[in-house]
Amino acid sequence: MFGIGFPELLLILVVALLVFGPRRLPELAHTLGRAIGKVRAVSRGFQREIERELRDVNPMAPPTDAGPPRPPAPSPPPAPDAAEPAEPPGDASPPADGPR
């Protein structure tokens, strides 16, 4: 929350109590909470509108409300070259000096 710890928040509350007084502080907190809620609602609406416009431009794009982005999947190992066989045909016995 903006890097504000408990001691800083407590100091802000004490200063607000001294400046506005105990009678106006609850009213002020209520008004501030409603204003923050309205700003968040407008922000969410704006974000949805931008995403809707982007989907109209690129309909193949996945919806962005699917959660946090996932890391890319690991790429599969490269396929063996078709010109070279993976193992020599025929003898599949261990080397002459034996297994180790």
N, C-alpha and C. Protein backbone atom coordinates (compact mmCIF):
# COMPACT_ATOMS: atom_id res chain seq x y z
N MET A 1 0.85 -1.18 0.00
CA MET A 1 0.00 0.00 0.00
C MET A 1 0.89 1.24 0.00
N PHE A 2 1.46 1.57 -1.12
CA PHE A 2 2.28 2.76 -1.32
C PHE A 2 3.54 2.78 -0.46
N GLY A 3 3.93 1.66 0.09
CA GLY A 3 5.13 1.61 0.92
C GLY A 3 4.96 2.28 2.26
N ILE A 4 3.73 2.46 2.71
CA ILE A 4 3.49 3.11 4.01
C ILE A 4 3.34 2.02 5.06
N GLY A 5 4.16 2.05 6.07
CA GLY A 5 4.09 1.08 7.15
C GLY A 5 3.12 1.53 8.23
N PHE A 6 2.99 0.71 9.25
CA PHE A 6 2.06 1.01 10.33
C PHE A 6 2.45 2.29 11.08
N PRO A 7 3.72 2.53 11.40
CA PRO A 7 4.06 3.78 12.11
C PRO A 7 3.70 5.04 11.30
N GLU A 8 3.94 5.01 9.99
CA GLU A 8 3.60 6.17 9.17
C GLU A 8 2.09 6.39 9.12
N LEU A 9 1.34 5.27 8.98
CA LEU A 9 -0.11 5.37 8.93
C LEU A 9 -0.66 5.91 10.25
N LEU A 10 -0.09 5.47 11.36
CA LEU A 10 -0.52 5.95 12.67
C LEU A 10 -0.25 7.45 12.80
N LEU A 11 0.90 7.90 12.33
CA LEU A 11 1.23 9.32 12.38
C LEU A 11 0.25 10.14 11.54
N ILE A 12 -0.10 9.66 10.36
CA ILE A 12 -1.06 10.36 9.51
C ILE A 12 -2.41 10.46 10.21
N LEU A 13 -2.85 9.38 10.85
CA LEU A 13 -4.13 9.40 11.56
C LEU A 13 -4.12 10.38 12.73
N VAL A 14 -3.02 10.44 13.46
CA VAL A 14 -2.92 11.37 14.60
C VAL A 14 -2.96 12.81 14.10
N VAL A 15 -2.24 13.10 13.03
CA VAL A 15 -2.25 14.45 12.47
C VAL A 15 -3.65 14.82 11.97
N ALA A 16 -4.32 13.87 11.30
CA ALA A 16 -5.68 14.12 10.82
C ALA A 16 -6.63 14.37 11.99
N LEU A 17 -6.44 13.62 13.06
CA LEU A 17 -7.29 13.81 14.24
C LEU A 17 -7.08 15.20 14.84
N LEU A 18 -5.83 15.64 14.88
CA LEU A 18 -5.54 16.97 15.42
C LEU A 18 -6.07 18.09 14.51
N VAL A 19 -5.96 17.90 13.19
CA VAL A 19 -6.37 18.94 12.26
C VAL A 19 -7.88 19.03 12.15
N PHE A 20 -8.55 17.90 11.99
CA PHE A 20 -10.00 17.91 11.73
C PHE A 20 -10.84 17.71 12.98
N GLY A 21 -10.28 17.17 14.03
CA GLY A 21 -11.04 16.97 15.26
C GLY A 21 -11.80 15.65 15.25
N PRO A 22 -12.19 15.21 16.45
CA PRO A 22 -12.85 13.90 16.54
C PRO A 22 -14.26 13.88 15.95
N ARG A 23 -14.90 15.02 15.80
CA ARG A 23 -16.27 15.03 15.27
C ARG A 23 -16.30 14.91 13.75
N ARG A 24 -15.36 15.56 13.07
CA ARG A 24 -15.37 15.57 11.60
C ARG A 24 -14.58 14.41 11.01
N LEU A 25 -13.75 13.73 11.78
CA LEU A 25 -12.90 12.67 11.24
C LEU A 25 -13.71 11.50 10.66
N PRO A 26 -14.74 10.97 11.33
CA PRO A 26 -15.52 9.88 10.71
C PRO A 26 -16.22 10.31 9.42
N GLU A 27 -16.73 11.54 9.39
CA GLU A 27 -17.38 12.05 8.19
C GLU A 27 -16.37 12.16 7.05
N LEU A 28 -15.20 12.66 7.38
CA LEU A 28 -14.14 12.80 6.39
C LEU A 28 -13.70 11.43 5.85
N ALA A 29 -13.55 10.46 6.73
CA ALA A 29 -13.15 9.10 6.32
C ALA A 29 -14.21 8.49 5.40
N HIS A 30 -15.47 8.70 5.73
CA HIS A 30 -16.56 8.18 4.91
C HIS A 30 -16.53 8.80 3.52
N THR A 31 -16.37 10.10 3.45
CA THR A 31 -16.32 10.81 2.17
C THR A 31 -15.12 10.36 1.35
N LEU A 32 -13.98 10.22 2.00
CA LEU A 32 -12.77 9.78 1.31
C LEU A 32 -12.94 8.36 0.78
N GLY A 33 -13.54 7.47 1.56
CA GLY A 33 -13.77 6.09 1.12
C GLY A 33 -14.69 6.02 -0.09
N ARG A 34 -15.74 6.82 -0.08
CA ARG A 34 -16.66 6.85 -1.23
C ARG A 34 -15.96 7.39 -2.47
N ALA A 35 -15.14 8.42 -2.30
CA ALA A 35 -14.42 8.98 -3.45
C ALA A 35 -13.45 7.97 -4.03
N ILE A 36 -12.74 7.25 -3.19
CA ILE A 36 -11.81 6.22 -3.67
C ILE A 36 -12.57 5.12 -4.40
N GLY A 37 -13.74 4.74 -3.88
CA GLY A 37 -14.56 3.73 -4.54
C GLY A 37 -15.01 4.17 -5.92
N LYS A 38 -15.40 5.44 -6.05
CA LYS A 38 -15.82 5.95 -7.34
C LYS A 38 -14.67 5.98 -8.34
N VAL A 39 -13.50 6.39 -7.87
CA VAL A 39 -12.33 6.42 -8.75
C VAL A 39 -12.00 5.01 -9.24
N ARG A 40 -12.08 4.03 -8.36
CA ARG A 40 -11.81 2.64 -8.76
C ARG A 40 -12.83 2.16 -9.78
N ALA A 41 -14.10 2.50 -9.58
CA ALA A 41 -15.15 2.08 -10.52
C ALA A 41 -14.93 2.70 -11.89
N VAL A 42 -14.58 3.98 -11.93
CA VAL A 42 -14.32 4.64 -13.20
C VAL A 42 -13.10 4.00 -13.87
N SER A 43 -12.09 3.69 -13.09
CA SER A 43 -10.88 3.06 -13.63
C SER A 43 -11.20 1.69 -14.22
N ARG A 44 -12.00 0.89 -13.52
CA ARG A 44 -12.38 -0.42 -14.05
C ARG A 44 -13.17 -0.28 -15.34
N GLY A 45 -14.10 0.68 -15.39
CA GLY A 45 -14.87 0.90 -16.60
C GLY A 45 -14.00 1.32 -17.76
N PHE A 46 -13.05 2.19 -17.50
CA PHE A 46 -12.11 2.63 -18.53
C PHE A 46 -11.28 1.46 -19.04
N GLN A 47 -10.81 0.63 -18.12
CA GLN A 47 -10.00 -0.53 -18.51
C GLN A 47 -10.81 -1.50 -19.36
N ARG A 48 -12.06 -1.75 -18.97
CA ARG A 48 -12.92 -2.65 -19.76
C ARG A 48 -13.15 -2.10 -21.16
N GLU A 49 -13.36 -0.78 -21.25
CA GLU A 49 -13.59 -0.17 -22.56
C GLU A 49 -12.36 -0.30 -23.46
N ILE A 50 -11.20 -0.08 -22.91
CA ILE A 50 -9.96 -0.22 -23.69
C ILE A 50 -9.80 -1.67 -24.14
N GLU A 51 -10.04 -2.63 -23.25
CA GLU A 51 -9.91 -4.05 -23.62
C GLU A 51 -10.93 -4.42 -24.69
N ARG A 52 -12.15 -3.90 -24.60
CA ARG A 52 -13.18 -4.18 -25.61
C ARG A 52 -12.73 -3.64 -26.96
N GLU A 53 -12.18 -2.44 -26.98
CA GLU A 53 -11.71 -1.86 -28.25
C GLU A 53 -10.56 -2.68 -28.82
N LEU A 54 -9.66 -3.12 -27.97
CA LEU A 54 -8.54 -3.94 -28.45
C LEU A 54 -9.03 -5.27 -29.00
N ARG A 55 -10.05 -5.86 -28.37
CA ARG A 55 -10.60 -7.11 -28.90
C ARG A 55 -11.27 -6.88 -30.25
N ASP A 56 -11.90 -5.72 -30.44
CA ASP A 56 -12.51 -5.41 -31.73
C ASP A 56 -11.46 -5.29 -32.82
N VAL A 57 -10.30 -4.76 -32.46
CA VAL A 57 -9.22 -4.61 -33.43
C VAL A 57 -8.57 -5.96 -33.71
N ASN A 58 -8.37 -6.77 -32.66
CA ASN A 58 -7.73 -8.08 -32.79
C ASN A 58 -8.63 -9.12 -32.15
N PRO A 59 -9.59 -9.67 -32.89
CA PRO A 59 -10.54 -10.61 -32.28
C PRO A 59 -9.91 -11.92 -31.84
N MET A 60 -8.72 -12.24 -32.30
CA MET A 60 -8.06 -13.49 -31.92
C MET A 60 -7.32 -13.38 -30.60
N ALA A 61 -7.22 -12.19 -30.06
CA ALA A 61 -6.51 -11.99 -28.79
C ALA A 61 -7.31 -12.62 -27.66
N PRO A 62 -6.63 -13.30 -26.72
CA PRO A 62 -7.35 -13.88 -25.59
C PRO A 62 -7.85 -12.79 -24.66
N PRO A 63 -8.92 -13.05 -23.91
CA PRO A 63 -9.39 -12.05 -22.96
C PRO A 63 -8.36 -11.80 -21.88
N THR A 64 -8.26 -10.54 -21.45
CA THR A 64 -7.23 -10.20 -20.47
C THR A 64 -7.68 -10.43 -19.05
N ASP A 65 -8.95 -10.77 -18.83
CA ASP A 65 -9.41 -10.99 -17.47
C ASP A 65 -9.26 -12.45 -17.04
N ALA A 66 -8.39 -13.18 -17.71
CA ALA A 66 -8.19 -14.60 -17.41
C ALA A 66 -7.23 -14.80 -16.25
N GLY A 67 -6.74 -13.76 -15.63
CA GLY A 67 -5.84 -13.89 -14.49
C GLY A 67 -4.46 -13.40 -14.85
N PRO A 68 -3.51 -13.62 -13.96
CA PRO A 68 -2.16 -13.15 -14.23
C PRO A 68 -1.54 -13.93 -15.39
N PRO A 69 -0.63 -13.30 -16.10
CA PRO A 69 -0.02 -13.99 -17.24
C PRO A 69 0.79 -15.19 -16.78
N ARG A 70 0.76 -16.22 -17.59
CA ARG A 70 1.50 -17.44 -17.27
C ARG A 70 2.86 -17.39 -17.96
N PRO A 71 3.86 -18.04 -17.37
CA PRO A 71 5.15 -18.08 -18.05
C PRO A 71 5.04 -18.94 -19.30
N PRO A 72 5.86 -18.68 -20.30
CA PRO A 72 5.77 -19.46 -21.53
C PRO A 72 6.11 -20.93 -21.27
N ALA A 73 5.45 -21.79 -22.01
CA ALA A 73 5.69 -23.23 -21.87
C ALA A 73 7.08 -23.55 -22.39
N PRO A 74 7.73 -24.54 -21.78
CA PRO A 74 9.07 -24.90 -22.27
C PRO A 74 8.97 -25.45 -23.68
N SER A 75 9.93 -25.10 -24.51
CA SER A 75 9.89 -25.56 -25.89
C SER A 75 10.27 -27.04 -25.94
N PRO A 76 9.67 -27.79 -26.87
CA PRO A 76 9.99 -29.22 -26.97
C PRO A 76 11.41 -29.39 -27.47
N PRO A 77 12.02 -30.54 -27.19
CA PRO A 77 13.39 -30.76 -27.67
C PRO A 77 13.40 -30.79 -29.20
N PRO A 78 14.51 -30.40 -29.80
CA PRO A 78 14.56 -30.38 -31.26
C PRO A 78 14.41 -31.79 -31.81
N ALA A 79 13.75 -31.89 -32.95
CA ALA A 79 13.55 -33.19 -33.60
C ALA A 79 14.88 -33.64 -34.20
N PRO A 80 15.14 -34.95 -34.18
CA PRO A 80 16.39 -35.43 -34.79
C PRO A 80 16.36 -35.16 -36.29
N ASP A 81 17.53 -34.92 -36.83
CA ASP A 81 17.64 -34.61 -38.25
C ASP A 81 17.23 -35.85 -39.05
N ALA A 82 16.42 -35.66 -40.05
CA ALA A 82 15.92 -36.78 -40.84
C ALA A 82 17.03 -37.42 -41.67
N ALA A 83 18.09 -36.67 -42.01
CA ALA A 83 19.17 -37.21 -42.82
C ALA A 83 20.04 -38.17 -42.01
N GLU A 84 20.15 -37.99 -40.71
CA GLU A 84 20.97 -38.86 -39.87
C GLU A 84 20.07 -39.72 -38.99
N PRO A 85 20.26 -41.04 -39.00
CA PRO A 85 19.45 -41.89 -38.12
C PRO A 85 19.86 -41.69 -36.67
N ALA A 86 18.91 -41.85 -35.75
CA ALA A 86 19.18 -41.65 -34.33
C ALA A 86 20.12 -42.72 -33.80
N GLU A 87 19.97 -43.97 -34.23
CA GLU A 87 20.86 -45.07 -33.82
C GLU A 87 21.28 -45.82 -35.08
N PRO A 88 22.47 -46.35 -35.08
CA PRO A 88 22.86 -47.12 -36.26
C PRO A 88 22.01 -48.39 -36.34
N PRO A 89 21.60 -48.75 -37.53
CA PRO A 89 20.78 -49.95 -37.66
C PRO A 89 21.60 -51.20 -37.40
N GLY A 90 20.94 -52.21 -36.97
CA GLY A 90 21.61 -53.50 -36.80
C GLY A 90 22.02 -53.76 -35.38
N ASP A 91 23.33 -53.90 -35.16
CA ASP A 91 23.89 -54.34 -33.88
C ASP A 91 23.60 -53.33 -32.78
N ALA A 92 22.91 -53.78 -31.73
CA ALA A 92 22.60 -52.93 -30.59
C ALA A 92 23.29 -53.44 -29.33
N SER A 93 24.38 -54.19 -29.51
CA SER A 93 25.09 -54.74 -28.35
C SER A 93 25.96 -53.67 -27.71
N PRO A 94 26.33 -53.86 -26.41
CA PRO A 94 27.18 -52.88 -25.74
C PRO A 94 28.57 -52.83 -26.36
N PRO A 95 29.34 -51.79 -26.10
CA PRO A 95 30.69 -51.68 -26.67
C PRO A 95 31.56 -52.86 -26.25
N ALA A 96 32.68 -53.05 -26.96
CA ALA A 96 33.55 -54.22 -26.75
C ALA A 96 34.15 -54.25 -25.35
N ASP A 97 34.44 -53.10 -24.72
CA ASP A 97 35.04 -53.12 -23.41
C ASP A 97 34.03 -53.35 -22.29
N GLY A 98 32.76 -53.45 -22.61
CA GLY A 98 31.73 -53.79 -21.62
C GLY A 98 31.12 -52.58 -20.97
N PRO A 99 30.02 -52.78 -20.26
CA PRO A 99 29.36 -51.65 -19.58
C PRO A 99 30.15 -51.20 -18.36
N ARG A 100 30.01 -49.96 -18.02
CA ARG A 100 30.73 -49.42 -16.86
C ARG A 100 29.83 -49.16 -15.74
